Amino acid sequence: MRVEVLGTGCARCRRLAKNVETAIRDLGIDAELVKVDDITEIMDRGVMLTPALAVDGELKVSGRVADVKEIKEILQG
């Protein structure tokens, strides 16, 4: 599983990345966490509001920080 946090490195982006790391660790799943900070790539994916979360290339959350519980549900879904 490839989990991507899309954002420029702002505080909200870092908080989302930390929540994703916690969710992956708590679930004990094999997932690769990738941080995408290139604004051109982010915009090419249609993301206008960061932070954003994508799982296996599918955008799941945009413009807000998902909490650990929501991220766990996304990763298990």
PDB file of N, CA and C in Angstrom:
ATOM      1  N   MET A   1       0.852  -1.171   0.000  1.00  0.00           N
ATOM      2  CA  MET A   1       0.000   0.000   0.000  1.00  0.00           C
ATOM      3  C   MET A   1       0.898   1.234   0.000  1.00  0.00           C
ATOM      4  N   ARG A   2       0.550   2.194  -0.833  1.00  0.00           N
ATOM      5  CA  ARG A   2       1.297   3.457  -0.920  1.00  0.00           C
ATOM      6  C   ARG A   2       0.392   4.575  -0.394  1.00  0.00           C
ATOM      7  N   VAL A   3       0.835   5.229   0.671  1.00  0.00           N
ATOM      8  CA  VAL A   3       0.079   6.307   1.290  1.00  0.00           C
ATOM      9  C   VAL A   3       0.867   7.589   1.074  1.00  0.00           C
ATOM     10  N   GLU A   4       0.203   8.584   0.479  1.00  0.00           N
ATOM     11  CA  GLU A   4       0.880   9.833   0.171  1.00  0.00           C
ATOM     12  C   GLU A   4       0.237  11.005   0.907  1.00  0.00           C
ATOM     13  N   VAL A   5       1.085  11.836   1.499  1.00  0.00           N
ATOM     14  CA  VAL A   5       0.649  13.089   2.088  1.00  0.00           C
ATOM     15  C   VAL A   5       1.114  14.181   1.134  1.00  0.00           C
ATOM     16  N   LEU A   6       0.155  14.910   0.575  1.00  0.00           N
ATOM     17  CA  LEU A   6       0.465  15.970  -0.378  1.00  0.00           C
ATOM     18  C   LEU A   6       0.355  17.312   0.323  1.00  0.00           C
ATOM     19  N   GLY A   7       1.452  18.056   0.313  1.00  0.00           N
ATOM     20  CA  GLY A   7       1.467  19.354   0.946  1.00  0.00           C
ATOM     21  C   GLY A   7       2.855  19.957   0.903  1.00  0.00           C
ATOM     22  N   THR A   8       2.917  21.230   1.153  1.00  0.00           N
ATOM     23  CA  THR A   8       4.176  21.959   1.009  1.00  0.00           C
ATOM     24  C   THR A   8       5.048  21.942   2.256  1.00  0.00           C
ATOM     25  N   GLY A   9       4.624  21.256   3.286  1.00  0.00           N
ATOM     26  CA  GLY A   9       5.423  21.183   4.501  1.00  0.00           C
ATOM     27  C   GLY A   9       4.962  22.106   5.606  1.00  0.00           C
ATOM     28  N   CYS A  10       3.777  22.672   5.470  1.00  0.00           N
ATOM     29  CA  CYS A  10       3.225  23.556   6.498  1.00  0.00           C
ATOM     30  C   CYS A  10       2.895  22.745   7.761  1.00  0.00           C
ATOM     31  N   ALA A  11       2.531  23.431   8.807  1.00  0.00           N
ATOM     32  CA  ALA A  11       2.228  22.764  10.077  1.00  0.00           C
ATOM     33  C   ALA A  11       1.093  21.753   9.928  1.00  0.00           C
ATOM     34  N   ARG A  12       0.065  22.104   9.167  1.00  0.00           N
ATOM     35  CA  ARG A  12      -1.062  21.176   8.969  1.00  0.00           C
ATOM     36  C   ARG A  12      -0.619  19.948   8.182  1.00  0.00           C
ATOM     37  N   CYS A  13       0.254  20.132   7.213  1.00  0.00           N
ATOM     38  CA  CYS A  13       0.764  19.014   6.422  1.00  0.00           C
ATOM     39  C   CYS A  13       1.591  18.071   7.301  1.00  0.00           C
ATOM     40  N   ARG A  14       2.413  18.650   8.148  1.00  0.00           N
ATOM     41  CA  ARG A  14       3.226  17.832   9.059  1.00  0.00           C
ATOM     42  C   ARG A  14       2.338  17.087  10.059  1.00  0.00           C
ATOM     43  N   ARG A  15       1.273  17.723  10.520  1.00  0.00           N
ATOM     44  CA  ARG A  15       0.352  17.070  11.459  1.00  0.00           C
ATOM     45  C   ARG A  15      -0.362  15.899  10.784  1.00  0.00           C
ATOM     46  N   LEU A  16      -0.767  16.072   9.523  1.00  0.00           N
ATOM     47  CA  LEU A  16      -1.403  14.968   8.799  1.00  0.00           C
ATOM     48  C   LEU A  16      -0.413  13.808   8.632  1.00  0.00           C
ATOM     49  N   ALA A  17       0.831  14.116   8.276  1.00  0.00           N
ATOM     50  CA  ALA A  17       1.837  13.064   8.114  1.00  0.00           C
ATOM     51  C   ALA A  17       2.049  12.306   9.425  1.00  0.00           C
ATOM     52  N   LYS A  18       2.079  13.026  10.538  1.00  0.00           N
ATOM     53  CA  LYS A  18       2.241  12.383  11.850  1.00  0.00           C
ATOM     54  C   LYS A  18       1.046  11.488  12.158  1.00  0.00           C
ATOM     55  N   ASN A  19      -0.166  11.948  11.852  1.00  0.00           N
ATOM     56  CA  ASN A  19      -1.363  11.129  12.072  1.00  0.00           C
ATOM     57  C   ASN A  19      -1.330   9.867  11.210  1.00  0.00           C
ATOM     58  N   VAL A  20      -0.857   9.992   9.980  1.00  0.00           N
ATOM     59  CA  VAL A  20      -0.753   8.826   9.090  1.00  0.00           C
ATOM     60  C   VAL A  20       0.259   7.835   9.653  1.00  0.00           C
ATOM     61  N   GLU A  21       1.409   8.328  10.091  1.00  0.00           N
ATOM     62  CA  GLU A  21       2.419   7.449  10.682  1.00  0.00           C
ATOM     63  C   GLU A  21       1.851   6.698  11.885  1.00  0.00           C
ATOM     64  N   THR A  22       1.108   7.391  12.721  1.00  0.00           N
ATOM     65  CA  THR A  22       0.502   6.766  13.898  1.00  0.00           C
ATOM     66  C   THR A  22      -0.501   5.698  13.487  1.00  0.00           C
ATOM     67  N   ALA A  23      -1.345   5.997  12.511  1.00  0.00           N
ATOM     68  CA  ALA A  23      -2.356   5.034  12.060  1.00  0.00           C
ATOM     69  C   ALA A  23      -1.703   3.780  11.484  1.00  0.00           C
ATOM     70  N   ILE A  24      -0.676   3.959  10.672  1.00  0.00           N
ATOM     71  CA  ILE A  24       0.026   2.808  10.078  1.00  0.00           C
ATOM     72  C   ILE A  24       0.648   1.954  11.181  1.00  0.00           C
ATOM     73  N   ARG A  25       1.304   2.604  12.120  1.00  0.00           N
ATOM     74  CA  ARG A  25       1.943   1.873  13.225  1.00  0.00           C
ATOM     75  C   ARG A  25       0.899   1.136  14.069  1.00  0.00           C
ATOM     76  N   ASP A  26      -0.193   1.828  14.424  1.00  0.00           N
ATOM     77  CA  ASP A  26      -1.227   1.212  15.263  1.00  0.00           C
ATOM     78  C   ASP A  26      -1.865   0.004  14.585  1.00  0.00           C
ATOM     79  N   LEU A  27      -2.072   0.107  13.262  1.00  0.00           N
ATOM     80  CA  LEU A  27      -2.692  -0.996  12.533  1.00  0.00           C
ATOM     81  C   LEU A  27      -1.709  -2.119  12.234  1.00  0.00           C
ATOM     82  N   GLY A  28      -0.430  -1.825  12.273  1.00  0.00           N
ATOM     83  CA  GLY A  28       0.585  -2.831  11.984  1.00  0.00           C
ATOM     84  C   GLY A  28       0.571  -3.281  10.536  1.00  0.00           C
ATOM     85  N   ILE A  29       0.210  -2.381   9.632  1.00  0.00           N
ATOM     86  CA  ILE A  29       0.134  -2.754   8.217  1.00  0.00           C
ATOM     87  C   ILE A  29       1.425  -2.390   7.498  1.00  0.00           C
ATOM     88  N   ASP A  30       1.632  -3.051   6.378  1.00  0.00           N
ATOM     89  CA  ASP A  30       2.796  -2.774   5.543  1.00  0.00           C
ATOM     90  C   ASP A  30       2.404  -1.678   4.562  1.00  0.00           C
ATOM     91  N   ALA A  31       2.869  -0.472   4.809  1.00  0.00           N
ATOM     92  CA  ALA A  31       2.517   0.658   3.958  1.00  0.00           C
ATOM     93  C   ALA A  31       3.732   1.556   3.788  1.00  0.00           C
ATOM     94  N   GLU A  32       3.854   2.106   2.601  1.00  0.00           N
ATOM     95  CA  GLU A  32       4.921   3.052   2.303  1.00  0.00           C
ATOM     96  C   GLU A  32       4.337   4.455   2.403  1.00  0.00           C
ATOM     97  N   LEU A  33       4.916   5.279   3.276  1.00  0.00           N
ATOM     98  CA  LEU A  33       4.469   6.665   3.425  1.00  0.00           C
ATOM     99  C   LEU A  33       5.370   7.556   2.595  1.00  0.00           C
ATOM    100  N   VAL A  34       4.755   8.301   1.672  1.00  0.00           N
ATOM    101  CA  VAL A  34       5.494   9.203   0.795  1.00  0.00           C
ATOM    102  C   VAL A  34       4.963  10.608   1.004  1.00  0.00           C
ATOM    103  N   LYS A  35       5.873  11.563   1.166  1.00  0.00           N
ATOM    104  CA  LYS A  35       5.481  12.964   1.308  1.00  0.00           C
ATOM    105  C   LYS A  35       5.744  13.660  -0.028  1.00  0.00           C
ATOM    106  N   VAL A  36       4.690  14.187  -0.623  1.00  0.00           N
ATOM    107  CA  VAL A  36       4.778  14.873  -1.906  1.00  0.00           C
ATOM    108  C   VAL A  36       4.697  16.371  -1.622  1.00  0.00           C
ATOM    109  N   ASP A  37       5.803  17.083  -1.869  1.00  0.00           N
ATOM    110  CA  ASP A  37       5.820  18.508  -1.562  1.00  0.00           C
ATOM    111  C   ASP A  37       6.022  19.393  -2.790  1.00  0.00           C
ATOM    112  N   ASP A  38       6.092  18.776  -3.961  1.00  0.00           N
ATOM    113  CA  ASP A  38       6.240  19.547  -5.190  1.00  0.00           C
ATOM    114  C   ASP A  38       4.884  20.119  -5.606  1.00  0.00           C
ATOM    115  N   ILE A  39       4.764  21.438  -5.575  1.00  0.00           N
ATOM    116  CA  ILE A  39       3.473  22.092  -5.814  1.00  0.00           C
ATOM    117  C   ILE A  39       2.930  21.785  -7.210  1.00  0.00           C
ATOM    118  N   THR A  40       3.798  21.633  -8.193  1.00  0.00           N
ATOM    119  CA  THR A  40       3.343  21.304  -9.550  1.00  0.00           C
ATOM    120  C   THR A  40       2.710  19.923  -9.579  1.00  0.00           C
ATOM    121  N   GLU A  41       3.353  18.957  -8.935  1.00  0.00           N
ATOM    122  CA  GLU A  41       2.794  17.604  -8.889  1.00  0.00           C
ATOM    123  C   GLU A  41       1.466  17.584  -8.127  1.00  0.00           C
ATOM    124  N   ILE A  42       1.415  18.339  -7.037  1.00  0.00           N
ATOM    125  CA  ILE A  42       0.183  18.405  -6.251  1.00  0.00           C
ATOM    126  C   ILE A  42      -0.957  18.960  -7.107  1.00  0.00           C
ATOM    127  N   MET A  43      -0.692  20.045  -7.818  1.00  0.00           N
ATOM    128  CA  MET A  43      -1.720  20.656  -8.667  1.00  0.00           C
ATOM    129  C   MET A  43      -2.087  19.759  -9.849  1.00  0.00           C
ATOM    130  N   ASP A  44      -1.104  19.040 -10.395  1.00  0.00           N
ATOM    131  CA  ASP A  44      -1.378  18.112 -11.503  1.00  0.00           C
ATOM    132  C   ASP A  44      -2.343  17.001 -11.090  1.00  0.00           C
ATOM    133  N   ARG A  45      -2.376  16.711  -9.807  1.00  0.00           N
ATOM    134  CA  ARG A  45      -3.299  15.689  -9.301  1.00  0.00           C
ATOM    135  C   ARG A  45      -4.671  16.258  -8.981  1.00  0.00           C
ATOM    136  N   GLY A  46      -4.844  17.547  -9.226  1.00  0.00           N
ATOM    137  CA  GLY A  46      -6.144  18.169  -9.002  1.00  0.00           C
ATOM    138  C   GLY A  46      -6.381  18.637  -7.586  1.00  0.00           C
ATOM    139  N   VAL A  47      -5.346  18.639  -6.774  1.00  0.00           N
ATOM    140  CA  VAL A  47      -5.474  19.077  -5.385  1.00  0.00           C
ATOM    141  C   VAL A  47      -5.313  20.592  -5.343  1.00  0.00           C
ATOM    142  N   MET A  48      -6.334  21.275  -4.862  1.00  0.00           N
ATOM    143  CA  MET A  48      -6.280  22.734  -4.749  1.00  0.00           C
ATOM    144  C   MET A  48      -6.092  23.183  -3.309  1.00  0.00           C
ATOM    145  N   LEU A  49      -6.449  22.324  -2.362  1.00  0.00           N
ATOM    146  CA  LEU A  49      -6.302  22.638  -0.943  1.00  0.00           C
ATOM    147  C   LEU A  49      -5.462  21.562  -0.272  1.00  0.00           C
ATOM    148  N   THR A  50      -4.423  22.000   0.426  1.00  0.00           N
ATOM    149  CA  THR A  50      -3.605  21.053   1.158  1.00  0.00           C
ATOM    150  C   THR A  50      -3.833  21.254   2.646  1.00  0.00           C
ATOM    151  N   PRO A  51      -3.552  20.259   3.440  1.00  0.00           N
ATOM    152  CA  PRO A  51      -2.936  18.995   3.076  1.00  0.00           C
ATOM    153  C   PRO A  51      -3.947  18.054   2.422  1.00  0.00           C
ATOM    154  N   ALA A  52      -3.410  17.048   1.754  1.00  0.00           N
ATOM    155  CA  ALA A  52      -4.257  16.045   1.125  1.00  0.00           C
ATOM    156  C   ALA A  52      -3.657  14.667   1.402  1.00  0.00           C
ATOM    157  N   LEU A  53      -4.508  13.662   1.328  1.00  0.00           N
ATOM    158  CA  LEU A  53      -4.103  12.290   1.580  1.00  0.00           C
ATOM    159  C   LEU A  53      -4.569  11.433   0.416  1.00  0.00           C
ATOM    160  N   ALA A  54      -3.646  10.657  -0.144  1.00  0.00           N
ATOM    161  CA  ALA A  54      -3.980   9.732  -1.223  1.00  0.00           C
ATOM    162  C   ALA A  54      -3.504   8.341  -0.829  1.00  0.00           C
ATOM    163  N   VAL A  55      -4.314   7.339  -1.176  1.00  0.00           N
ATOM    164  CA  VAL A  55      -3.950   5.952  -0.914  1.00  0.00           C
ATOM    165  C   VAL A  55      -3.983   5.216  -2.243  1.00  0.00           C
ATOM    166  N   ASP A  56      -2.841   4.628  -2.590  1.00  0.00           N
ATOM    167  CA  ASP A  56      -2.693   3.926  -3.862  1.00  0.00           C
ATOM    168  C   ASP A  56      -3.175   4.778  -5.032  1.00  0.00           C
ATOM    169  N   GLY A  57      -2.839   6.063  -5.001  1.00  0.00           N
ATOM    170  CA  GLY A  57      -3.138   6.974  -6.088  1.00  0.00           C
ATOM    171  C   GLY A  57      -4.521   7.592  -6.062  1.00  0.00           C
ATOM    172  N   GLU A  58      -5.368   7.173  -5.122  1.00  0.00           N
ATOM    173  CA  GLU A  58      -6.732   7.695  -5.033  1.00  0.00           C
ATOM    174  C   GLU A  58      -6.827   8.731  -3.920  1.00  0.00           C
ATOM    175  N   LEU A  59      -7.271   9.927  -4.269  1.00  0.00           N
ATOM    176  CA  LEU A  59      -7.398  11.008  -3.298  1.00  0.00           C
ATOM    177  C   LEU A  59      -8.512  10.677  -2.303  1.00  0.00           C
ATOM    178  N   LYS A  60      -8.177  10.746  -1.023  1.00  0.00           N
ATOM    179  CA  LYS A  60      -9.138  10.410   0.034  1.00  0.00           C
ATOM    180  C   LYS A  60      -9.555  11.625   0.865  1.00  0.00           C
ATOM    181  N   VAL A  61      -8.635  12.543   1.099  1.00  0.00           N
ATOM    182  CA  VAL A  61      -8.900  13.715   1.930  1.00  0.00           C
ATOM    183  C   VAL A  61      -8.171  14.896   1.310  1.00  0.00           C
ATOM    184  N   SER A  62      -8.818  16.058   1.306  1.00  0.00           N
ATOM    185  CA  SER A  62      -8.164  17.259   0.785  1.00  0.00           C
ATOM    186  C   SER A  62      -8.623  18.479   1.576  1.00  0.00           C
ATOM    187  N   GLY A  63      -7.661  19.332   1.914  1.00  0.00           N
ATOM    188  CA  GLY A  63      -7.980  20.599   2.548  1.00  0.00           C
ATOM    189  C   GLY A  63      -8.173  20.566   4.045  1.00  0.00           C
ATOM    190  N   ARG A  64      -7.860  19.442   4.670  1.00  0.00           N
ATOM    191  CA  ARG A  64      -8.012  19.358   6.122  1.00  0.00           C
ATOM    192  C   ARG A  64      -7.112  18.263   6.682  1.00  0.00           C
ATOM    193  N   VAL A  65      -6.947  18.283   7.984  1.00  0.00           N
ATOM    194  CA  VAL A  65      -6.135  17.276   8.665  1.00  0.00           C
ATOM    195  C   VAL A  65      -7.069  16.187   9.179  1.00  0.00           C
ATOM    196  N   ALA A  66      -6.961  15.000   8.601  1.00  0.00           N
ATOM    197  CA  ALA A  66      -7.755  13.864   9.076  1.00  0.00           C
ATOM    198  C   ALA A  66      -7.155  13.366  10.385  1.00  0.00           C
ATOM    199  N   ASP A  67      -8.030  12.963  11.315  1.00  0.00           N
ATOM    200  CA  ASP A  67      -7.513  12.437  12.571  1.00  0.00           C
ATOM    201  C   ASP A  67      -7.122  10.965  12.400  1.00  0.00           C
ATOM    202  N   VAL A  68      -6.456  10.429  13.408  1.00  0.00           N
ATOM    203  CA  VAL A  68      -5.931   9.065  13.331  1.00  0.00           C
ATOM    204  C   VAL A  68      -7.060   8.059  13.104  1.00  0.00           C
ATOM    205  N   LYS A  69      -8.174   8.240  13.782  1.00  0.00           N
ATOM    206  CA  LYS A  69      -9.306   7.306  13.637  1.00  0.00           C
ATOM    207  C   LYS A  69      -9.796   7.266  12.194  1.00  0.00           C
ATOM    208  N   GLU A  70      -9.978   8.433  11.577  1.00  0.00           N
ATOM    209  CA  GLU A  70     -10.444   8.474  10.191  1.00  0.00           C
ATOM    210  C   GLU A  70      -9.430   7.831   9.247  1.00  0.00           C
ATOM    211  N   ILE A  71      -8.154   8.093   9.478  1.00  0.00           N
ATOM    212  CA  ILE A  71      -7.114   7.516   8.627  1.00  0.00           C
ATOM    213  C   ILE A  71      -7.112   5.990   8.747  1.00  0.00           C
ATOM    214  N   LYS A  72      -7.290   5.488   9.946  1.00  0.00           N
ATOM    215  CA  LYS A  72      -7.354   4.029  10.133  1.00  0.00           C
ATOM    216  C   LYS A  72      -8.511   3.449   9.328  1.00  0.00           C
ATOM    217  N   GLU A  73      -9.671   4.111   9.368  1.00  0.00           N
ATOM    218  CA  GLU A  73     -10.829   3.636   8.607  1.00  0.00           C
ATOM    219  C   GLU A  73     -10.553   3.648   7.106  1.00  0.00           C
ATOM    220  N   ILE A  74      -9.876   4.687   6.626  1.00  0.00           N
ATOM    221  CA  ILE A  74      -9.515   4.767   5.212  1.00  0.00           C
ATOM    222  C   ILE A  74      -8.576   3.634   4.832  1.00  0.00           C
ATOM    223  N   LEU A  75      -7.563   3.387   5.668  1.00  0.00           N
ATOM    224  CA  LEU A  75      -6.569   2.367   5.355  1.00  0.00           C
ATOM    225  C   LEU A  75      -7.140   0.956   5.432  1.00  0.00           C
ATOM    226  N   GLN A  76      -8.130   0.744   6.269  1.00  0.00           N
ATOM    227  CA  GLN A  76      -8.746  -0.579   6.390  1.00  0.00           C
ATOM    228  C   GLN A  76      -9.829  -0.803   5.350  1.00  0.00           C
ATOM    229  N   GLY A  77     -10.377   0.290   4.803  1.00  0.00           N
ATOM    230  CA  GLY A  77     -11.500   0.224   3.898  1.00  0.00           C
ATOM    231  C   GLY A  77     -11.189  -0.335   2.586  1.00  0.00           C
TER     232      GLY A  77
END
